[in-house]
């Protein structure tokens, strides 16, 4: 019986979530994106505070050589595509 192997050269954990921030007596939804690698680097990006997604972050997210993993990466990819124009998100 042969078994196929999946080889991942580089990968990051990706999670897109919502925060609610109090602003002038009302709550405002804020998207934030968390990316962590396998050596302990973890970045938290508050997308709602950015006027645009920085090119370096967009390049990281769209890099097909870096596999994104998480709880629901398909939903994260859909959200990033619809709200922020980030396409070609490679995930498992």
PDB file of N, CA and C in Angstrom:
ATOM      1  N   UNK A   1       0.849  -1.173   0.000  1.00  0.00           N
ATOM      2  CA  UNK A   1       0.000   0.000   0.000  1.00  0.00           C
ATOM      3  C   UNK A   1       0.898   1.240   0.000  1.00  0.00           C
ATOM      4  N   UNK A   2       0.664   2.144  -0.919  1.00  0.00           N
ATOM      5  CA  UNK A   2       1.462   3.367  -0.952  1.00  0.00           C
ATOM      6  C   UNK A   2       0.696   4.500  -0.282  1.00  0.00           C
ATOM      7  N   UNK A   3       1.464   5.346   0.343  1.00  0.00           N
ATOM      8  CA  UNK A   3       0.866   6.513   0.999  1.00  0.00           C
ATOM      9  C   UNK A   3       1.475   7.758   0.373  1.00  0.00           C
ATOM     10  N   UNK A   4       0.645   8.704   0.049  1.00  0.00           N
ATOM     11  CA  UNK A   4       1.166   9.954  -0.493  1.00  0.00           C
ATOM     12  C   UNK A   4       1.482  10.898   0.652  1.00  0.00           C
ATOM     13  N   UNK A   5       2.464  11.737   0.412  1.00  0.00           N
ATOM     14  CA  UNK A   5       2.883  12.693   1.434  1.00  0.00           C
ATOM     15  C   UNK A   5       2.614  14.104   0.943  1.00  0.00           C
ATOM     16  N   UNK A   6       2.255  14.939   1.868  1.00  0.00           N
ATOM     17  CA  UNK A   6       2.117  16.361   1.576  1.00  0.00           C
ATOM     18  C   UNK A   6       3.326  17.046   2.185  1.00  0.00           C
ATOM     19  N   UNK A   7       4.089  17.725   1.369  1.00  0.00           N
ATOM     20  CA  UNK A   7       5.267  18.431   1.847  1.00  0.00           C
ATOM     21  C   UNK A   7       4.961  19.921   1.817  1.00  0.00           C
ATOM     22  N   UNK A   8       5.064  20.537   2.959  1.00  0.00           N
ATOM     23  CA  UNK A   8       4.840  21.975   3.061  1.00  0.00           C
ATOM     24  C   UNK A   8       6.185  22.622   3.329  1.00  0.00           C
ATOM     25  N   UNK A   9       6.646  23.436   2.403  1.00  0.00           N
ATOM     26  CA  UNK A   9       7.934  24.111   2.564  1.00  0.00           C
ATOM     27  C   UNK A   9       7.850  25.232   3.584  1.00  0.00           C
ATOM     28  N   UNK A  10       6.798  25.979   3.519  1.00  0.00           N
ATOM     29  CA  UNK A  10       6.614  27.090   4.450  1.00  0.00           C
ATOM     30  C   UNK A  10       5.129  27.223   4.727  1.00  0.00           C
ATOM     31  N   UNK A  11       4.796  27.544   5.942  1.00  0.00           N
ATOM     32  CA  UNK A  11       3.393  27.706   6.292  1.00  0.00           C
ATOM     33  C   UNK A  11       3.222  28.684   7.430  1.00  0.00           C
ATOM     34  N   UNK A  12       2.058  29.286   7.487  1.00  0.00           N
ATOM     35  CA  UNK A  12       1.714  30.157   8.611  1.00  0.00           C
ATOM     36  C   UNK A  12       0.294  29.837   9.045  1.00  0.00           C
ATOM     37  N   UNK A  13       0.065  29.989  10.330  1.00  0.00           N
ATOM     38  CA  UNK A  13      -1.288  29.890  10.851  1.00  0.00           C
ATOM     39  C   UNK A  13      -1.974  31.223  10.624  1.00  0.00           C
ATOM     40  N   UNK A  14      -3.190  31.181  10.143  1.00  0.00           N
ATOM     41  CA  UNK A  14      -3.905  32.404   9.798  1.00  0.00           C
ATOM     42  C   UNK A  14      -5.269  32.378  10.449  1.00  0.00           C
ATOM     43  N   UNK A  15      -5.648  33.467  11.078  1.00  0.00           N
ATOM     44  CA  UNK A  15      -6.970  33.568  11.671  1.00  0.00           C
ATOM     45  C   UNK A  15      -7.522  34.964  11.479  1.00  0.00           C
ATOM     46  N   UNK A  16      -8.716  35.045  10.937  1.00  0.00           N
ATOM     47  CA  UNK A  16      -9.375  36.331  10.734  1.00  0.00           C
ATOM     48  C   UNK A  16     -10.547  36.384  11.692  1.00  0.00           C
ATOM     49  N   UNK A  17     -10.627  37.436  12.463  1.00  0.00           N
ATOM     50  CA  UNK A  17     -11.687  37.541  13.464  1.00  0.00           C
ATOM     51  C   UNK A  17     -12.179  38.978  13.524  1.00  0.00           C
ATOM     52  N   UNK A  18     -13.194  39.162  14.320  1.00  0.00           N
ATOM     53  CA  UNK A  18     -13.779  40.485  14.479  1.00  0.00           C
ATOM     54  C   UNK A  18     -13.655  40.919  15.922  1.00  0.00           C
ATOM     55  N   UNK A  19     -13.309  42.152  16.108  1.00  0.00           N
ATOM     56  CA  UNK A  19     -13.319  42.779  17.423  1.00  0.00           C
ATOM     57  C   UNK A  19     -14.383  43.864  17.379  1.00  0.00           C
ATOM     58  N   UNK A  20     -14.928  44.152  18.516  1.00  0.00           N
ATOM     59  CA  UNK A  20     -15.844  45.280  18.595  1.00  0.00           C
ATOM     60  C   UNK A  20     -15.188  46.338  19.459  1.00  0.00           C
ATOM     61  N   UNK A  21     -15.021  47.511  18.899  1.00  0.00           N
ATOM     62  CA  UNK A  21     -14.320  48.600  19.561  1.00  0.00           C
ATOM     63  C   UNK A  21     -15.325  49.695  19.891  1.00  0.00           C
ATOM     64  N   UNK A  22     -15.248  50.181  21.115  1.00  0.00           N
ATOM     65  CA  UNK A  22     -16.135  51.273  21.507  1.00  0.00           C
ATOM     66  C   UNK A  22     -15.577  52.579  20.949  1.00  0.00           C
ATOM     67  N   UNK A  23     -16.407  53.265  20.196  1.00  0.00           N
ATOM     68  CA  UNK A  23     -16.006  54.517  19.579  1.00  0.00           C
ATOM     69  C   UNK A  23     -17.160  55.498  19.701  1.00  0.00           C
ATOM     70  N   UNK A  24     -16.954  56.541  20.467  1.00  0.00           N
ATOM     71  CA  UNK A  24     -17.980  57.581  20.671  1.00  0.00           C
ATOM     72  C   UNK A  24     -19.326  56.987  21.069  1.00  0.00           C
ATOM     73  N   UNK A  25     -19.313  56.169  22.096  1.00  0.00           N
ATOM     74  CA  UNK A  25     -20.511  55.580  22.694  1.00  0.00           C
ATOM     75  C   UNK A  25     -21.239  54.558  21.818  1.00  0.00           C
ATOM     76  N   UNK A  26     -20.599  54.040  20.796  1.00  0.00           N
ATOM     77  CA  UNK A  26     -21.194  52.916  20.076  1.00  0.00           C
ATOM     78  C   UNK A  26     -20.087  51.925  19.715  1.00  0.00           C
ATOM     79  N   UNK A  27     -20.508  50.704  19.462  1.00  0.00           N
ATOM     80  CA  UNK A  27     -19.549  49.655  19.124  1.00  0.00           C
ATOM     81  C   UNK A  27     -19.358  49.593  17.618  1.00  0.00           C
ATOM     82  N   UNK A  28     -18.116  49.511  17.219  1.00  0.00           N
ATOM     83  CA  UNK A  28     -17.776  49.408  15.811  1.00  0.00           C
ATOM     84  C   UNK A  28     -17.042  48.094  15.586  1.00  0.00           C
ATOM     85  N   UNK A  29     -17.437  47.369  14.552  1.00  0.00           N
ATOM     86  CA  UNK A  29     -16.771  46.103  14.238  1.00  0.00           C
ATOM     87  C   UNK A  29     -15.410  46.384  13.610  1.00  0.00           C
ATOM     88  N   UNK A  30     -14.425  45.619  14.037  1.00  0.00           N
ATOM     89  CA  UNK A  30     -13.073  45.781  13.519  1.00  0.00           C
ATOM     90  C   UNK A  30     -12.519  44.410  13.149  1.00  0.00           C
ATOM     91  N   UNK A  31     -12.107  44.240  11.897  1.00  0.00           N
ATOM     92  CA  UNK A  31     -11.479  42.988  11.486  1.00  0.00           C
ATOM     93  C   UNK A  31     -10.034  42.989  11.953  1.00  0.00           C
ATOM     94  N   UNK A  32      -9.573  41.843  12.419  1.00  0.00           N
ATOM     95  CA  UNK A  32      -8.141  41.708  12.669  1.00  0.00           C
ATOM     96  C   UNK A  32      -7.678  40.363  12.159  1.00  0.00           C
ATOM     97  N   UNK A  33      -6.453  40.333  11.725  1.00  0.00           N
ATOM     98  CA  UNK A  33      -5.862  39.150  11.118  1.00  0.00           C
ATOM     99  C   UNK A  33      -4.644  38.774  11.937  1.00  0.00           C
ATOM    100  N   UNK A  34      -4.544  37.499  12.284  1.00  0.00           N
ATOM    101  CA  UNK A  34      -3.403  37.017  13.058  1.00  0.00           C
ATOM    102  C   UNK A  34      -2.658  36.008  12.206  1.00  0.00           C
ATOM    103  N   UNK A  35      -1.350  36.179  12.104  1.00  0.00           N
ATOM    104  CA  UNK A  35      -0.522  35.241  11.344  1.00  0.00           C
ATOM    105  C   UNK A  35       0.640  34.795  12.215  1.00  0.00           C
ATOM    106  N   UNK A  36       0.830  33.489  12.330  1.00  0.00           N
ATOM    107  CA  UNK A  36       1.912  32.930  13.143  1.00  0.00           C
ATOM    108  C   UNK A  36       2.666  31.891  12.330  1.00  0.00           C
ATOM    109  N   UNK A  37       3.990  31.849  12.522  1.00  0.00           N
ATOM    110  CA  UNK A  37       4.763  30.824  11.827  1.00  0.00           C
ATOM    111  C   UNK A  37       5.192  29.735  12.800  1.00  0.00           C
ATOM    112  N   UNK A  38       5.932  28.761  12.290  1.00  0.00           N
ATOM    113  CA  UNK A  38       6.297  27.609  13.113  1.00  0.00           C
ATOM    114  C   UNK A  38       7.494  27.844  14.023  1.00  0.00           C
ATOM    115  N   UNK A  39       8.115  29.018  13.980  1.00  0.00           N
ATOM    116  CA  UNK A  39       9.233  29.279  14.885  1.00  0.00           C
ATOM    117  C   UNK A  39       8.878  30.305  15.962  1.00  0.00           C
ATOM    118  N   UNK A  40       7.618  30.638  16.057  1.00  0.00           N
ATOM    119  CA  UNK A  40       7.170  31.475  17.158  1.00  0.00           C
ATOM    120  C   UNK A  40       6.865  32.920  16.836  1.00  0.00           C
ATOM    121  N   UNK A  41       7.085  33.359  15.598  1.00  0.00           N
ATOM    122  CA  UNK A  41       6.723  34.728  15.243  1.00  0.00           C
ATOM    123  C   UNK A  41       5.218  34.804  15.090  1.00  0.00           C
ATOM    124  N   UNK A  42       4.622  35.816  15.678  1.00  0.00           N
ATOM    125  CA  UNK A  42       3.181  36.000  15.566  1.00  0.00           C
ATOM    126  C   UNK A  42       2.897  37.483  15.354  1.00  0.00           C
ATOM    127  N   UNK A  43       2.119  37.789  14.346  1.00  0.00           N
ATOM    128  CA  UNK A  43       1.753  39.174  14.072  1.00  0.00           C
ATOM    129  C   UNK A  43       0.248  39.340  14.120  1.00  0.00           C
ATOM    130  N   UNK A  44      -0.203  40.424  14.690  1.00  0.00           N
ATOM    131  CA  UNK A  44      -1.631  40.733  14.757  1.00  0.00           C
ATOM    132  C   UNK A  44      -1.844  42.028  13.983  1.00  0.00           C
ATOM    133  N   UNK A  45      -2.679  41.966  12.972  1.00  0.00           N
ATOM    134  CA  UNK A  45      -2.904  43.109  12.095  1.00  0.00           C
ATOM    135  C   UNK A  45      -4.347  43.565  12.236  1.00  0.00           C
ATOM    136  N   UNK A  46      -4.553  44.786  12.680  1.00  0.00           N
ATOM    137  CA  UNK A  46      -5.900  45.354  12.790  1.00  0.00           C
ATOM    138  C   UNK A  46      -6.240  45.990  11.445  1.00  0.00           C
ATOM    139  N   UNK A  47      -6.905  45.223  10.619  1.00  0.00           N
ATOM    140  CA  UNK A  47      -7.189  45.667   9.259  1.00  0.00           C
ATOM    141  C   UNK A  47      -8.104  46.880   9.225  1.00  0.00           C
ATOM    142  N   UNK A  48      -8.974  47.004  10.205  1.00  0.00           N
ATOM    143  CA  UNK A  48      -9.928  48.121  10.195  1.00  0.00           C
ATOM    144  C   UNK A  48      -9.247  49.466  10.432  1.00  0.00           C
ATOM    145  N   UNK A  49      -8.036  49.468  10.955  1.00  0.00           N
ATOM    146  CA  UNK A  49      -7.321  50.720  11.202  1.00  0.00           C
ATOM    147  C   UNK A  49      -6.404  51.098  10.041  1.00  0.00           C
ATOM    148  N   UNK A  50      -6.380  50.282   9.010  1.00  0.00           N
ATOM    149  CA  UNK A  50      -5.518  50.543   7.861  1.00  0.00           C
ATOM    150  C   UNK A  50      -6.341  51.156   6.733  1.00  0.00           C
ATOM    151  N   UNK A  51      -5.782  52.166   6.102  1.00  0.00           N
ATOM    152  CA  UNK A  51      -6.450  52.758   4.939  1.00  0.00           C
ATOM    153  C   UNK A  51      -6.362  51.813   3.744  1.00  0.00           C
ATOM    154  N   UNK A  52      -5.314  51.015   3.722  1.00  0.00           N
ATOM    155  CA  UNK A  52      -5.132  49.993   2.693  1.00  0.00           C
ATOM    156  C   UNK A  52      -4.257  48.890   3.284  1.00  0.00           C
ATOM    157  N   UNK A  53      -4.296  47.730   2.663  1.00  0.00           N
ATOM    158  CA  UNK A  53      -3.454  46.620   3.098  1.00  0.00           C
ATOM    159  C   UNK A  53      -2.047  46.882   2.566  1.00  0.00           C
ATOM    160  N   UNK A  54      -1.030  46.907   3.436  1.00  0.00           N
ATOM    161  CA  UNK A  54       0.338  47.130   2.955  1.00  0.00           C
ATOM    162  C   UNK A  54       0.742  46.070   1.920  1.00  0.00           C
ATOM    163  N   UNK A  55       1.509  46.492   0.932  1.00  0.00           N
ATOM    164  CA  UNK A  55       1.939  45.594  -0.145  1.00  0.00           C
ATOM    165  C   UNK A  55       2.667  44.375   0.415  1.00  0.00           C
ATOM    166  N   UNK A  56       3.493  44.568   1.440  1.00  0.00           N
ATOM    167  CA  UNK A  56       4.244  43.444   2.008  1.00  0.00           C
ATOM    168  C   UNK A  56       3.309  42.414   2.639  1.00  0.00           C
ATOM    169  N   UNK A  57       2.246  42.863   3.319  1.00  0.00           N
ATOM    170  CA  UNK A  57       1.282  41.938   3.913  1.00  0.00           C
ATOM    171  C   UNK A  57       0.484  41.235   2.819  1.00  0.00           C
ATOM    172  N   UNK A  58       0.077  41.990   1.813  1.00  0.00           N
ATOM    173  CA  UNK A  58      -0.659  41.395   0.694  1.00  0.00           C
ATOM    174  C   UNK A  58       0.203  40.353  -0.017  1.00  0.00           C
ATOM    175  N   UNK A  59       1.481  40.667  -0.237  1.00  0.00           N
ATOM    176  CA  UNK A  59       2.387  39.710  -0.879  1.00  0.00           C
ATOM    177  C   UNK A  59       2.543  38.449  -0.041  1.00  0.00           C
ATOM    178  N   UNK A  60       2.647  38.597   1.272  1.00  0.00           N
ATOM    179  CA  UNK A  60       2.762  37.443   2.168  1.00  0.00           C
ATOM    180  C   UNK A  60       1.517  36.568   2.068  1.00  0.00           C
ATOM    181  N   UNK A  61       0.354  37.179   2.121  1.00  0.00           N
ATOM    182  CA  UNK A  61      -0.894  36.424   2.082  1.00  0.00           C
ATOM    183  C   UNK A  61      -1.132  35.765   0.728  1.00  0.00           C
ATOM    184  N   UNK A  62      -0.690  36.412  -0.351  1.00  0.00           N
ATOM    185  CA  UNK A  62      -0.914  35.870  -1.693  1.00  0.00           C
ATOM    186  C   UNK A  62       0.206  34.952  -2.173  1.00  0.00           C
ATOM    187  N   UNK A  63       1.265  34.792  -1.394  1.00  0.00           N
ATOM    188  CA  UNK A  63       2.397  33.942  -1.781  1.00  0.00           C
ATOM    189  C   UNK A  63       1.960  32.478  -1.808  1.00  0.00           C
ATOM    190  N   UNK A  64       1.988  31.869  -2.991  1.00  0.00           N
ATOM    191  CA  UNK A  64       1.533  30.485  -3.139  1.00  0.00           C
ATOM    192  C   UNK A  64       2.493  29.481  -2.519  1.00  0.00           C
ATOM    193  N   UNK A  65       3.729  29.884  -2.245  1.00  0.00           N
ATOM    194  CA  UNK A  65       4.703  28.992  -1.620  1.00  0.00           C
ATOM    195  C   UNK A  65       4.483  28.880  -0.114  1.00  0.00           C
ATOM    196  N   UNK A  66       3.722  29.799   0.452  1.00  0.00           N
ATOM    197  CA  UNK A  66       3.442  29.787   1.889  1.00  0.00           C
ATOM    198  C   UNK A  66       2.005  29.330   2.080  1.00  0.00           C
ATOM    199  N   UNK A  67       1.850  28.157   2.668  1.00  0.00           N
ATOM    200  CA  UNK A  67       0.527  27.587   2.897  1.00  0.00           C
ATOM    201  C   UNK A  67      -0.063  28.194   4.164  1.00  0.00           C
ATOM    202  N   UNK A  68      -1.334  28.580   4.093  1.00  0.00           N
ATOM    203  CA  UNK A  68      -2.026  29.136   5.260  1.00  0.00           C
ATOM    204  C   UNK A  68      -2.919  28.060   5.858  1.00  0.00           C
ATOM    205  N   UNK A  69      -2.848  27.919   7.167  1.00  0.00           N
ATOM    206  CA  UNK A  69      -3.672  26.943   7.877  1.00  0.00           C
ATOM    207  C   UNK A  69      -4.427  27.668   8.979  1.00  0.00           C
ATOM    208  N   UNK A  70      -5.528  27.094   9.425  1.00  0.00           N
ATOM    209  CA  UNK A  70      -6.306  27.711  10.492  1.00  0.00           C
ATOM    210  C   UNK A  70      -7.588  26.946  10.738  1.00  0.00           C
ATOM    211  N   UNK A  71      -8.447  27.529  11.550  1.00  0.00           N
ATOM    212  CA  UNK A  71      -9.716  26.897  11.907  1.00  0.00           C
ATOM    213  C   UNK A  71     -10.635  26.792  10.695  1.00  0.00           C
ATOM    214  N   UNK A  72     -10.823  27.885   9.977  1.00  0.00           N
ATOM    215  CA  UNK A  72     -11.692  27.903   8.798  1.00  0.00           C
ATOM    216  C   UNK A  72     -11.035  28.744   7.704  1.00  0.00           C
ATOM    217  N   UNK A  73      -9.957  28.240   7.109  1.00  0.00           N
ATOM    218  CA  UNK A  73      -9.217  29.051   6.140  1.00  0.00           C
ATOM    219  C   UNK A  73     -10.021  29.408   4.892  1.00  0.00           C
ATOM    220  N   UNK A  74     -10.987  28.588   4.510  1.00  0.00           N
ATOM    221  CA  UNK A  74     -11.814  28.909   3.341  1.00  0.00           C
ATOM    222  C   UNK A  74     -12.637  30.171   3.598  1.00  0.00           C
ATOM    223  N   UNK A  75     -13.210  30.286   4.784  1.00  0.00           N
ATOM    224  CA  UNK A  75     -13.987  31.486   5.136  1.00  0.00           C
ATOM    225  C   UNK A  75     -13.074  32.705   5.248  1.00  0.00           C
ATOM    226  N   UNK A  76     -11.868  32.512   5.821  1.00  0.00           N
ATOM    227  CA  UNK A  76     -10.908  33.615   5.915  1.00  0.00           C
ATOM    228  C   UNK A  76     -10.519  34.101   4.520  1.00  0.00           C
ATOM    229  N   UNK A  77     -10.264  33.160   3.611  1.00  0.00           N
ATOM    230  CA  UNK A  77      -9.891  33.517   2.242  1.00  0.00           C
ATOM    231  C   UNK A  77     -11.016  34.287   1.556  1.00  0.00           C
ATOM    232  N   UNK A  78     -12.248  33.836   1.749  1.00  0.00           N
ATOM    233  CA  UNK A  78     -13.410  34.510   1.154  1.00  0.00           C
ATOM    234  C   UNK A  78     -13.547  35.937   1.685  1.00  0.00           C
ATOM    235  N   UNK A  79     -13.396  36.104   2.993  1.00  0.00           N
ATOM    236  CA  UNK A  79     -13.506  37.426   3.625  1.00  0.00           C
ATOM    237  C   UNK A  79     -12.402  38.360   3.119  1.00  0.00           C
ATOM    238  N   UNK A  80     -11.168  37.859   3.066  1.00  0.00           N
ATOM    239  CA  UNK A  80     -10.056  38.679   2.590  1.00  0.00           C
ATOM    240  C   UNK A  80     -10.248  39.071   1.128  1.00  0.00           C
ATOM    241  N   UNK A  81     -10.826  38.183   0.343  1.00  0.00           N
ATOM    242  CA  UNK A  81     -11.079  38.486  -1.063  1.00  0.00           C
ATOM    243  C   UNK A  81     -12.177  39.535  -1.207  1.00  0.00           C
ATOM    244  N   UNK A  82     -13.290  39.342  -0.520  1.00  0.00           N
ATOM    245  CA  UNK A  82     -14.433  40.252  -0.659  1.00  0.00           C
ATOM    246  C   UNK A  82     -14.161  41.639  -0.085  1.00  0.00           C
ATOM    247  N   UNK A  83     -13.552  41.692   1.093  1.00  0.00           N
ATOM    248  CA  UNK A  83     -13.402  42.974   1.778  1.00  0.00           C
ATOM    249  C   UNK A  83     -12.100  43.707   1.476  1.00  0.00           C
ATOM    250  N   UNK A  84     -11.045  42.957   1.110  1.00  0.00           N
ATOM    251  CA  UNK A  84      -9.730  43.584   1.000  1.00  0.00           C
ATOM    252  C   UNK A  84      -9.029  43.333  -0.332  1.00  0.00           C
ATOM    253  N   UNK A  85      -9.675  42.620  -1.250  1.00  0.00           N
ATOM    254  CA  UNK A  85      -9.087  42.399  -2.563  1.00  0.00           C
ATOM    255  C   UNK A  85      -7.850  41.525  -2.565  1.00  0.00           C
ATOM    256  N   UNK A  86      -7.743  40.625  -1.594  1.00  0.00           N
ATOM    257  CA  UNK A  86      -6.605  39.712  -1.529  1.00  0.00           C
ATOM    258  C   UNK A  86      -7.036  38.395  -2.165  1.00  0.00           C
ATOM    259  N   UNK A  87      -6.392  38.047  -3.270  1.00  0.00           N
ATOM    260  CA  UNK A  87      -6.750  36.852  -4.037  1.00  0.00           C
ATOM    261  C   UNK A  87      -5.629  35.825  -3.958  1.00  0.00           C
ATOM    262  N   UNK A  88      -5.896  34.659  -4.502  1.00  0.00           N
ATOM    263  CA  UNK A  88      -4.905  33.584  -4.609  1.00  0.00           C
ATOM    264  C   UNK A  88      -4.373  33.136  -3.253  1.00  0.00           C
ATOM    265  N   UNK A  89      -5.203  33.115  -2.243  1.00  0.00           N
ATOM    266  CA  UNK A  89      -4.779  32.658  -0.918  1.00  0.00           C
ATOM    267  C   UNK A  89      -4.680  31.139  -0.934  1.00  0.00           C
ATOM    268  N   UNK A  90      -3.479  30.612  -0.765  1.00  0.00           N
ATOM    269  CA  UNK A  90      -3.232  29.166  -0.770  1.00  0.00           C
ATOM    270  C   UNK A  90      -3.394  28.650   0.658  1.00  0.00           C
ATOM    271  N   UNK A  91      -4.330  27.742   0.884  1.00  0.00           N
ATOM    272  CA  UNK A  91      -4.586  27.256   2.240  1.00  0.00           C
ATOM    273  C   UNK A  91      -4.923  25.778   2.233  1.00  0.00           C
ATOM    274  N   UNK A  92      -4.809  25.169   3.407  1.00  0.00           N
ATOM    275  CA  UNK A  92      -5.240  23.776   3.609  1.00  0.00           C
ATOM    276  C   UNK A  92      -6.140  23.723   4.819  1.00  0.00           C
TER     277      UNK A  92
END
